[in-house]
């Protein structure tokens, strides 16, 4: 929660985050099965006070130049 207090995480987006603490003894962290802990956390995740996470879907992004996009596809298709 210090990330919210420090301003790194917008409090409105806390539902995106699940904190995994692992074992109380930090010496066990290196051998802890973090992958299984993450999978379990994802299985049990539920949205908290759903508000759509404050994302503004009406904002537009710049469109790519059609020529540049076409050139990029041509380059990648040759790789």
Protein backbone atom coordinates (compact mmCIF):
# COMPACT_ATOMS: atom_id res chain seq x y z
CA UNK A 1 0.00 0.00 0.00
CA UNK A 2 3.02 2.28 0.21
CA UNK A 3 2.91 2.55 -3.59
CA UNK A 4 -0.48 4.23 -3.30
CA UNK A 5 0.67 6.48 -0.48
CA UNK A 6 3.75 7.48 -2.50
CA UNK A 7 1.63 8.25 -5.55
CA UNK A 8 3.01 5.50 -7.82
CA UNK A 9 -0.38 3.77 -7.98
CA UNK A 10 -3.62 5.69 -8.41
CA UNK A 11 -5.92 4.63 -5.55
CA UNK A 12 -8.78 4.29 -8.06
CA UNK A 13 -6.82 1.45 -9.72
CA UNK A 14 -6.13 -0.63 -6.60
CA UNK A 15 -8.36 -3.39 -7.99
CA UNK A 16 -5.73 -4.08 -10.67
CA UNK A 17 -3.22 -5.11 -8.03
CA UNK A 18 -2.83 -8.11 -5.80
CA UNK A 19 0.07 -8.04 -3.37
CA UNK A 20 1.84 -11.33 -2.66
CA UNK A 21 3.78 -11.31 0.57
CA UNK A 22 5.24 -14.80 0.53
CA UNK A 23 6.69 -16.39 3.66
CA UNK A 24 7.16 -14.22 6.74
CA UNK A 25 10.83 -15.26 6.85
CA UNK A 26 12.51 -13.37 3.99
CA UNK A 27 15.27 -16.01 3.88
CA UNK A 28 12.65 -18.39 2.42
CA UNK A 29 11.73 -16.02 -0.44
CA UNK A 30 14.46 -17.28 -2.80
CA UNK A 31 13.10 -20.83 -2.70
CA UNK A 32 9.41 -19.89 -2.45
CA UNK A 33 7.18 -21.04 -5.33
CA UNK A 34 6.12 -17.56 -6.45
CA UNK A 35 4.63 -18.92 -9.70
CA UNK A 36 2.12 -21.11 -7.88
CA UNK A 37 1.31 -18.26 -5.51
CA UNK A 38 0.57 -15.97 -8.47
CA UNK A 39 -1.65 -18.59 -10.16
CA UNK A 40 -3.57 -19.11 -6.94
CA UNK A 41 -3.99 -15.37 -6.45
CA UNK A 42 -5.31 -14.99 -10.00
CA UNK A 43 -7.78 -17.85 -9.50
CA UNK A 44 -9.12 -16.16 -6.37
CA UNK A 45 -9.10 -12.58 -7.70
CA UNK A 46 -12.41 -10.71 -7.65
CA UNK A 47 -12.95 -7.10 -8.68
CA UNK A 48 -13.23 -4.75 -5.73
CA UNK A 49 -15.92 -2.05 -5.80
CA UNK A 50 -16.12 -2.17 -9.59
CA UNK A 51 -16.06 1.32 -11.07
CA UNK A 52 -14.51 0.46 -14.41
CA UNK A 53 -11.14 1.42 -12.93
CA UNK A 54 -11.54 5.02 -14.00
CA UNK A 55 -10.31 4.39 -17.53
CA UNK A 56 -11.47 6.98 -20.03
CA UNK A 57 -12.34 4.96 -23.13
CA UNK A 58 -13.38 8.13 -24.99
CA UNK A 59 -9.77 9.28 -25.36
CA UNK A 60 -8.36 8.82 -28.83
CA UNK A 61 -4.85 7.80 -29.76
CA UNK A 62 -2.90 9.12 -32.69
CA UNK A 63 -3.45 7.06 -35.81
CA UNK A 64 -0.42 5.69 -37.56
CA UNK A 65 0.52 6.92 -40.96
CA UNK A 66 -0.88 4.32 -43.38
CA UNK A 67 2.35 4.25 -45.41
CA UNK A 68 4.52 3.65 -42.35
CA UNK A 69 2.23 0.88 -41.11
CA UNK A 70 2.27 -0.76 -44.54
CA UNK A 71 6.08 -0.58 -44.67
CA UNK A 72 6.37 -2.11 -41.20
CA UNK A 73 4.16 -5.05 -42.16
CA UNK A 74 6.20 -5.60 -45.31
CA UNK A 75 9.45 -5.59 -43.33
CA UNK A 76 8.17 -8.02 -40.70
CA UNK A 77 6.74 -10.40 -43.28
CA UNK A 78 10.23 -10.87 -44.70
CA UNK A 79 11.78 -11.77 -41.34
